[in-house]
C-alpha atoms as a PDB file:
ATOM      1  CA  MET A   1     175.099 123.795 -54.323  1.00  0.00           C
ATOM      2  CA  SER A   2     175.695 123.348 -50.607  1.00  0.00           C
ATOM      3  CA  CYS A   3     177.596 120.578 -48.832  1.00  0.00           C
ATOM      4  CA  VAL A   4     175.549 118.635 -46.264  1.00  0.00           C
ATOM      5  CA  VAL A   5     176.891 115.848 -44.055  1.00  0.00           C
ATOM      6  CA  VAL A   6     174.309 113.349 -42.809  1.00  0.00           C
ATOM      7  CA  THR A   7     175.546 110.887 -40.203  1.00  0.00           C
ATOM      8  CA  GLY A   8     173.730 107.569 -40.119  1.00  0.00           C
ATOM      9  CA  GLY A   9     172.892 108.402 -43.717  1.00  0.00           C
ATOM     10  CA  THR A  10     172.740 104.899 -45.172  1.00  0.00           C
ATOM     11  CA  ARG A  11     169.585 103.592 -43.527  1.00  0.00           C
ATOM     12  CA  GLY A  12     166.258 104.580 -41.990  1.00  0.00           C
ATOM     13  CA  ILE A  13     165.682 108.239 -41.201  1.00  0.00           C
ATOM     14  CA  GLY A  14     169.209 109.247 -42.195  1.00  0.00           C
ATOM     15  CA  ARG A  15     168.917 107.668 -45.629  1.00  0.00           C
ATOM     16  CA  ALA A  16     165.590 109.415 -46.274  1.00  0.00           C
ATOM     17  CA  ILE A  17     167.118 112.738 -45.270  1.00  0.00           C
ATOM     18  CA  ALA A  18     170.118 112.195 -47.535  1.00  0.00           C
ATOM     19  CA  ALA A  19     167.860 111.257 -50.462  1.00  0.00           C
ATOM     20  CA  HIS A  20     165.571 114.255 -49.933  1.00  0.00           C
ATOM     21  CA  LEU A  21     168.463 116.717 -49.782  1.00  0.00           C
ATOM     22  CA  ALA A  22     170.254 115.215 -52.786  1.00  0.00           C
ATOM     23  CA  ALA A  23     167.059 115.436 -54.832  1.00  0.00           C
ATOM     24  CA  ALA A  24     166.890 119.117 -53.900  1.00  0.00           C
ATOM     25  CA  GLY A  25     170.331 119.665 -55.400  1.00  0.00           C
ATOM     26  CA  HIS A  26     172.604 119.550 -52.372  1.00  0.00           C
ATOM     27  CA  GLN A  27     175.961 117.784 -52.333  1.00  0.00           C
ATOM     28  CA  VAL A  28     175.285 115.113 -49.698  1.00  0.00           C
ATOM     29  CA  ILE A  29     177.782 112.982 -47.809  1.00  0.00           C
ATOM     30  CA  ALA A  30     176.273 109.997 -45.980  1.00  0.00           C
ATOM     31  CA  ALA A  31     178.539 108.930 -43.137  1.00  0.00           C
ATOM     32  CA  ALA A  32     178.023 105.534 -41.531  1.00  0.00           C
ATOM     33  CA  ARG A  33     179.957 102.532 -40.279  1.00  0.00           C
ATOM     34  CA  SER A  34     178.926 100.296 -43.185  1.00  0.00           C
ATOM     35  CA  PRO A  35     178.158 101.053 -46.848  1.00  0.00           C
ATOM     36  CA  ALA A  36     174.745 100.470 -48.387  1.00  0.00           C
ATOM     37  CA  PRO A  37     173.010 101.239 -51.694  1.00  0.00           C
ATOM     38  CA  LEU A  38     172.402 104.972 -51.815  1.00  0.00           C
ATOM     39  CA  PRO A  39     170.227 107.321 -53.885  1.00  0.00           C
ATOM     40  CA  PRO A  40     171.751 109.306 -56.760  1.00  0.00           C
ATOM     41  CA  GLY A  41     173.788 112.260 -55.602  1.00  0.00           C
ATOM     42  CA  VAL A  42     174.699 110.808 -52.209  1.00  0.00           C
ATOM     43  CA  ARG A  43     178.332 109.901 -51.484  1.00  0.00           C
ATOM     44  CA  PHE A  44     179.244 107.390 -48.803  1.00  0.00           C
ATOM     45  CA  VAL A  45     182.087 107.922 -46.346  1.00  0.00           C
ATOM     46  CA  ALA A  46     182.870 105.316 -43.697  1.00  0.00           C
ATOM     47  CA  CYS A  47     182.790 106.762 -40.188  1.00  0.00           C
ATOM     48  CA  ASP A  48     182.001 105.547 -36.691  1.00  0.00           C
ATOM     49  CA  VAL A  49     180.857 108.773 -35.051  1.00  0.00           C
ATOM     50  CA  ALA A  50     181.836 107.441 -31.613  1.00  0.00           C
ATOM     51  CA  ASP A  51     185.489 107.480 -32.690  1.00  0.00           C
ATOM     52  CA  PRO A  52     186.926 111.034 -32.704  1.00  0.00           C
ATOM     53  CA  ALA A  53     189.752 110.015 -35.050  1.00  0.00           C
ATOM     54  CA  GLN A  54     187.245 108.796 -37.636  1.00  0.00           C
ATOM     55  CA  VAL A  55     185.198 111.981 -37.217  1.00  0.00           C
ATOM     56  CA  ARG A  56     188.296 114.083 -37.868  1.00  0.00           C
ATOM     57  CA  ALA A  57     189.023 112.011 -40.965  1.00  0.00           C
ATOM     58  CA  LEU A  58     185.456 112.519 -42.200  1.00  0.00           C
ATOM     59  CA  PHE A  59     185.627 116.303 -42.042  1.00  0.00           C
ATOM     60  CA  ALA A  60     189.332 116.892 -42.819  1.00  0.00           C
ATOM     61  CA  PRO A  61     188.960 116.798 -46.649  1.00  0.00           C
ATOM     62  CA  LEU A  62     185.984 119.161 -46.635  1.00  0.00           C
ATOM     63  CA  ALA A  63     186.785 122.822 -47.227  1.00  0.00           C
ATOM     64  CA  ARG A  64     183.265 123.867 -46.298  1.00  0.00           C
ATOM     65  CA  VAL A  65     180.303 122.249 -44.543  1.00  0.00           C
ATOM     66  CA  ASP A  66     177.080 124.181 -45.000  1.00  0.00           C
ATOM     67  CA  ALA A  67     174.926 121.886 -42.872  1.00  0.00           C
ATOM     68  CA  LEU A  68     175.175 118.872 -40.594  1.00  0.00           C
ATOM     69  CA  VAL A  69     172.426 116.398 -39.740  1.00  0.00           C
ATOM     70  CA  THR A  70     173.266 113.991 -36.931  1.00  0.00           C
ATOM     71  CA  ALA A  71     171.062 110.949 -37.522  1.00  0.00           C
ATOM     72  CA  ALA A  72     173.514 108.263 -36.382  1.00  0.00           C
ATOM     73  CA  GLY A  73     172.512 106.320 -33.310  1.00  0.00           C
ATOM     74  CA  GLN A  74     171.349 103.054 -31.856  1.00  0.00           C
ATOM     75  CA  ALA A  75     168.419 102.039 -29.673  1.00  0.00           C
ATOM     76  CA  GLY A  76     167.562  99.118 -27.460  1.00  0.00           C
ATOM     77  CA  ALA A  77     166.522  98.207 -23.976  1.00  0.00           C
ATOM     78  CA  ASN A  78     169.151  98.136 -21.253  1.00  0.00           C
ATOM     79  CA  ARG A  79     169.445  96.714 -17.744  1.00  0.00           C
ATOM     80  CA  LEU A  80     169.748  98.488 -14.415  1.00  0.00           C
ATOM     81  CA  SER A  81     173.125  96.962 -13.663  1.00  0.00           C
ATOM     82  CA  LEU A  82     176.714  98.107 -13.298  1.00  0.00           C
ATOM     83  CA  ASP A  83     177.528  95.370 -15.803  1.00  0.00           C
ATOM     84  CA  ASP A  84     175.007  96.584 -18.388  1.00  0.00           C
ATOM     85  CA  PRO A  85     176.744  96.307 -21.795  1.00  0.00           C
ATOM     86  CA  ALA A  86     174.344  98.667 -23.601  1.00  0.00           C
ATOM     87  CA  TRP A  87     174.799 101.912 -21.652  1.00  0.00           C
ATOM     88  CA  ALA A  88     178.175 103.043 -23.023  1.00  0.00           C
ATOM     89  CA  PRO A  89     177.614 102.285 -26.739  1.00  0.00           C
ATOM     90  CA  ILE A  90     174.134 103.867 -26.733  1.00  0.00           C
ATOM     91  CA  LEU A  91     175.473 107.053 -25.141  1.00  0.00           C
ATOM     92  CA  ALA A  92     178.477 107.053 -27.452  1.00  0.00           C
ATOM     93  CA  SER A  93     176.549 106.702 -30.715  1.00  0.00           C
ATOM     94  CA  ASN A  94     173.594 108.943 -29.901  1.00  0.00           C
ATOM     95  CA  LEU A  95     175.169 111.718 -27.847  1.00  0.00           C
ATOM     96  CA  THR A  96     178.951 111.771 -27.790  1.00  0.00           C
ATOM     97  CA  GLY A  97     179.143 111.070 -31.513  1.00  0.00           C
ATOM     98  CA  ALA A  98     176.820 113.982 -32.223  1.00  0.00           C
ATOM     99  CA  TRP A  99     179.050 116.229 -30.117  1.00  0.00           C
ATOM    100  CA  TYR A 100     182.156 115.132 -32.018  1.00  0.00           C
ATOM    101  CA  CYS A 101     180.485 115.787 -35.374  1.00  0.00           C
ATOM    102  CA  CYS A 102     179.060 119.158 -34.376  1.00  0.00           C
ATOM    103  CA  THR A 103     182.394 120.452 -33.131  1.00  0.00           C
ATOM    104  CA  ALA A 104     184.215 119.217 -36.255  1.00  0.00           C
ATOM    105  CA  ALA A 105     181.592 120.608 -38.633  1.00  0.00           C
ATOM    106  CA  LEU A 106     181.545 124.014 -36.964  1.00  0.00           C
ATOM    107  CA  GLU A 107     185.213 124.516 -37.856  1.00  0.00           C
ATOM    108  CA  ARG A 108     184.156 124.463 -41.525  1.00  0.00           C
ATOM    109  CA  MET A 109     180.697 125.999 -41.315  1.00  0.00           C
ATOM    110  CA  PRO A 110     180.003 129.460 -42.735  1.00  0.00           C
ATOM    111  CA  ASP A 111     178.659 132.208 -40.501  1.00  0.00           C
ATOM    112  CA  ARG A 112     175.086 133.458 -41.043  1.00  0.00           C
ATOM    113  CA  THR A 113     173.984 130.498 -43.175  1.00  0.00           C
ATOM    114  CA  GLY A 114     175.305 127.393 -41.355  1.00  0.00           C
ATOM    115  CA  ARG A 115     172.757 124.866 -40.077  1.00  0.00           C
ATOM    116  CA  ILE A 116     172.848 121.926 -37.671  1.00  0.00           C
ATOM    117  CA  VAL A 117     169.922 119.551 -37.092  1.00  0.00           C
ATOM    118  CA  THR A 118     170.148 116.767 -34.539  1.00  0.00           C
ATOM    119  CA  ILE A 119     167.788 113.803 -34.727  1.00  0.00           C
ATOM    120  CA  ALA A 120     166.613 113.293 -31.165  1.00  0.00           C
ATOM    121  CA  SER A 121     163.357 111.587 -30.163  1.00  0.00           C
ATOM    122  CA  VAL A 122     160.212 112.058 -28.118  1.00  0.00           C
ATOM    123  CA  LEU A 123     162.188 109.949 -25.648  1.00  0.00           C
ATOM    124  CA  GLY A 124     164.407 112.999 -25.308  1.00  0.00           C
ATOM    125  CA  LEU A 125     161.400 114.677 -23.698  1.00  0.00           C
ATOM    126  CA  ARG A 126     159.929 111.853 -21.593  1.00  0.00           C
ATOM    127  CA  GLY A 127     160.990 108.559 -20.075  1.00  0.00           C
ATOM    128  CA  VAL A 128     160.453 104.840 -20.712  1.00  0.00           C
ATOM    129  CA  PRO A 129     161.303 102.308 -17.967  1.00  0.00           C
ATOM    130  CA  ASP A 130     163.514  99.918 -19.946  1.00  0.00           C
ATOM    131  CA  GLN A 131     165.170 102.606 -22.085  1.00  0.00           C
ATOM    132  CA  THR A 132     167.261 104.453 -19.504  1.00  0.00           C
ATOM    133  CA  ALA A 133     170.342 104.662 -21.742  1.00  0.00           C
ATOM    134  CA  TYR A 134     168.451 105.730 -24.866  1.00  0.00           C
ATOM    135  CA  CYS A 135     166.339 108.269 -22.967  1.00  0.00           C
ATOM    136  CA  ALA A 136     169.428 109.672 -21.243  1.00  0.00           C
ATOM    137  CA  ALA A 137     171.204 109.978 -24.587  1.00  0.00           C
ATOM    138  CA  LYS A 138     168.286 111.683 -26.314  1.00  0.00           C
ATOM    139  CA  HIS A 139     167.600 114.010 -23.370  1.00  0.00           C
ATOM    140  CA  GLY A 140     171.290 114.878 -23.528  1.00  0.00           C
ATOM    141  CA  LEU A 141     171.042 115.490 -27.262  1.00  0.00           C
ATOM    142  CA  VAL A 142     168.189 117.956 -26.755  1.00  0.00           C
ATOM    143  CA  GLY A 143     170.270 119.704 -24.062  1.00  0.00           C
ATOM    144  CA  LEU A 144     173.284 119.773 -26.353  1.00  0.00           C
ATOM    145  CA  THR A 145     171.148 121.259 -29.122  1.00  0.00           C
ATOM    146  CA  ARG A 146     169.856 124.060 -26.922  1.00  0.00           C
ATOM    147  CA  SER A 147     173.260 124.910 -25.441  1.00  0.00           C
ATOM    148  CA  LEU A 148     175.045 124.726 -28.779  1.00  0.00           C
ATOM    149  CA  ALA A 149     172.410 126.982 -30.346  1.00  0.00           C
ATOM    150  CA  LEU A 150     173.292 129.673 -27.820  1.00  0.00           C
ATOM    151  CA  ALA A 151     177.020 129.121 -28.236  1.00  0.00           C
ATOM    152  CA  VAL A 152     176.968 129.663 -32.005  1.00  0.00           C
ATOM    153  CA  ALA A 153     174.160 132.243 -32.169  1.00  0.00           C
ATOM    154  CA  PRO A 154     176.714 135.095 -32.461  1.00  0.00           C
ATOM    155  CA  ARG A 155     177.865 133.449 -35.703  1.00  0.00           C
ATOM    156  CA  GLY A 156     174.309 133.313 -37.036  1.00  0.00           C
ATOM    157  CA  ILE A 157     174.345 129.496 -37.185  1.00  0.00           C
ATOM    158  CA  THR A 158     171.140 127.726 -36.172  1.00  0.00           C
ATOM    159  CA  VAL A 159     170.956 124.447 -34.235  1.00  0.00           C
ATOM    160  CA  ASN A 160     167.699 122.555 -33.808  1.00  0.00           C
ATOM    161  CA  ALA A 161     166.533 119.079 -32.834  1.00  0.00           C
ATOM    162  CA  VAL A 162     163.820 116.982 -34.426  1.00  0.00           C
ATOM    163  CA  CYS A 163     162.069 114.642 -31.979  1.00  0.00           C
ATOM    164  CA  PRO A 164     160.178 111.887 -33.818  1.00  0.00           C
ATOM    165  CA  GLY A 165     157.861 109.398 -32.226  1.00  0.00           C
ATOM    166  CA  TRP A 166     157.354 106.046 -33.948  1.00  0.00           C
ATOM    167  CA  VAL A 167     158.895 106.050 -37.430  1.00  0.00           C
ATOM    168  CA  ASP A 168     158.601 103.171 -39.885  1.00  0.00           C
ATOM    169  CA  THR A 169     162.224 101.977 -39.840  1.00  0.00           C
ATOM    170  CA  GLU A 170     164.173  98.811 -39.113  1.00  0.00           C
ATOM    171  CA  MET A 171     165.050 100.272 -35.707  1.00  0.00           C
ATOM    172  CA  ALA A 172     161.359 100.653 -34.885  1.00  0.00           C
ATOM    173  CA  GLN A 173     160.679  97.106 -36.042  1.00  0.00           C
ATOM    174  CA  GLY A 174     163.254  95.901 -33.544  1.00  0.00           C
ATOM    175  CA  ARG A 175     161.524  97.811 -30.761  1.00  0.00           C
ATOM    176  CA  PHE A 176     158.141  96.411 -31.840  1.00  0.00           C
ATOM    177  CA  ARG A 177     159.573  92.920 -31.395  1.00  0.00           C
ATOM    178  CA  GLU A 178     160.821  93.806 -27.907  1.00  0.00           C
ATOM    179  CA  LEU A 179     157.343  95.034 -26.982  1.00  0.00           C
ATOM    180  CA  GLY A 180     155.487  92.216 -28.714  1.00  0.00           C
ATOM    181  CA  ILE A 181     153.488  94.564 -30.951  1.00  0.00           C
ATOM    182  CA  ASP A 182     153.385  95.487 -34.637  1.00  0.00           C
ATOM    183  CA  ALA A 183     153.184  98.744 -36.569  1.00  0.00           C
ATOM    184  CA  ALA A 184     149.389  98.659 -36.710  1.00  0.00           C
ATOM    185  CA  GLU A 185     149.136  98.391 -32.944  1.00  0.00           C
ATOM    186  CA  ALA A 186     151.647 101.195 -32.498  1.00  0.00           C
ATOM    187  CA  ALA A 187     149.612 103.374 -34.867  1.00  0.00           C
ATOM    188  CA  ARG A 188     146.510 102.924 -32.733  1.00  0.00           C
ATOM    189  CA  GLY A 189     148.262 104.898 -30.014  1.00  0.00           C
ATOM    190  CA  VAL A 190     148.944 107.849 -32.333  1.00  0.00           C
ATOM    191  CA  PRO A 191     146.195 110.511 -32.473  1.00  0.00           C
ATOM    192  CA  LEU A 192     146.681 110.962 -36.236  1.00  0.00           C
ATOM    193  CA  GLY A 193     146.230 107.218 -36.680  1.00  0.00           C
ATOM    194  CA  ARG A 194     149.548 106.366 -38.313  1.00  0.00           C
ATOM    195  CA  ILE A 195     153.207 106.265 -37.472  1.00  0.00           C
ATOM    196  CA  ALA A 196     155.575 108.588 -39.293  1.00  0.00           C
ATOM    197  CA  THR A 197     157.529 107.706 -42.404  1.00  0.00           C
ATOM    198  CA  PRO A 198     161.232 108.536 -42.740  1.00  0.00           C
ATOM    199  CA  GLU A 199     160.172 111.002 -45.436  1.00  0.00           C
ATOM    200  CA  ASP A 200     158.045 112.874 -42.886  1.00  0.00           C
ATOM    201  CA  VAL A 201     161.189 113.482 -40.859  1.00  0.00           C
ATOM    202  CA  ALA A 202     163.204 114.368 -43.954  1.00  0.00           C
ATOM    203  CA  GLY A 203     160.734 117.102 -44.858  1.00  0.00           C
ATOM    204  CA  ILE A 204     161.062 118.768 -41.460  1.00  0.00           C
ATOM    205  CA  VAL A 205     164.841 118.578 -41.641  1.00  0.00           C
ATOM    206  CA  ALA A 206     164.855 120.145 -45.102  1.00  0.00           C
ATOM    207  CA  PHE A 207     162.721 122.996 -43.785  1.00  0.00           C
ATOM    208  CA  LEU A 208     165.098 123.610 -40.870  1.00  0.00           C
ATOM    209  CA  LEU A 209     168.037 123.737 -43.272  1.00  0.00           C
ATOM    210  CA  GLY A 210     166.320 126.293 -45.488  1.00  0.00           C
ATOM    211  CA  ALA A 211     166.153 130.080 -45.501  1.00  0.00           C
ATOM    212  CA  ALA A 212     162.582 130.120 -44.152  1.00  0.00           C
ATOM    213  CA  ALA A 213     163.841 128.669 -40.862  1.00  0.00           C
ATOM    214  CA  GLY A 214     166.604 131.222 -40.439  1.00  0.00           C
ATOM    215  CA  HIS A 215     165.156 132.611 -37.197  1.00  0.00           C
ATOM    216  CA  ILE A 216     164.460 129.225 -35.581  1.00  0.00           C
ATOM    217  CA  THR A 217     167.177 127.960 -33.258  1.00  0.00           C
ATOM    218  CA  GLY A 218     167.509 126.033 -30.014  1.00  0.00           C
ATOM    219  CA  GLN A 219     164.198 124.260 -30.582  1.00  0.00           C
ATOM    220  CA  ALA A 220     163.095 120.637 -30.194  1.00  0.00           C
ATOM    221  CA  LEU A 221     160.426 120.060 -32.853  1.00  0.00           C
ATOM    222  CA  VAL A 222     158.178 117.102 -32.046  1.00  0.00           C
ATOM    223  CA  LEU A 223     156.998 114.901 -34.905  1.00  0.00           C
ATOM    224  CA  ASP A 224     154.810 112.247 -33.282  1.00  0.00           C
ATOM    225  CA  GLY A 225     151.314 112.570 -34.720  1.00  0.00           C
ATOM    226  CA  GLY A 226     150.038 114.249 -31.556  1.00  0.00           C
ATOM    227  CA  GLY A 227     151.170 111.595 -29.089  1.00  0.00           C
ATOM    228  CA  LEU A 228     152.998 113.911 -26.721  1.00  0.00           C
ATOM    229  CA  ALA A 229     150.063 116.324 -26.694  1.00  0.00           C
ATOM    230  CA  ALA A 230     147.780 113.497 -25.555  1.00  0.00           C
ATOM    231  CA  ALA A 231     150.139 112.222 -22.848  1.00  0.00           C
END
């Protein structure tokens, strides 16, 4: 049984990943700021990933971390203003927090078999006018993934990013409200005709954590139903 830490593991994509991995027999720790009902086999630990002291406290009791999935983050539109209140927290939760967790996990991660998967976004590969903070954070997360993959390659540890498009989560529902659309309208813009489920993302993450993906590293895998290909 391996130990997997999933940040943002109590809701949305993170919760689906935690559930999928626990069902497969892994020891799963779901780290998040607030507790929530969790699937069997998933243990909650309170942690704000933007706070390095809390990140240290999350990993300190763990003798070994076989894999880390960084799914914590927040989205939202932001303003082009020096007084914009959204820029710093969006960067902190999506990018800086991932960096803190990766560096802490690597101190306890075994060579040759260790795995890190970051949950980025298609907005880490393209831009949206009112999402400058979120796009900057996710572009940075893809860059972090690629650089970190090279840094730990001599240890045989793989680091990859998953870049979803629309996923049926509460976060997406909030964005739909900002745009004045619903899930059905969003799906009409997806070549496959539907938006992703959190379980779709969980399946890709599970693959990247497995032995079959042992020679895949430094990659940004897009999961958007063909949207980026059609852009």
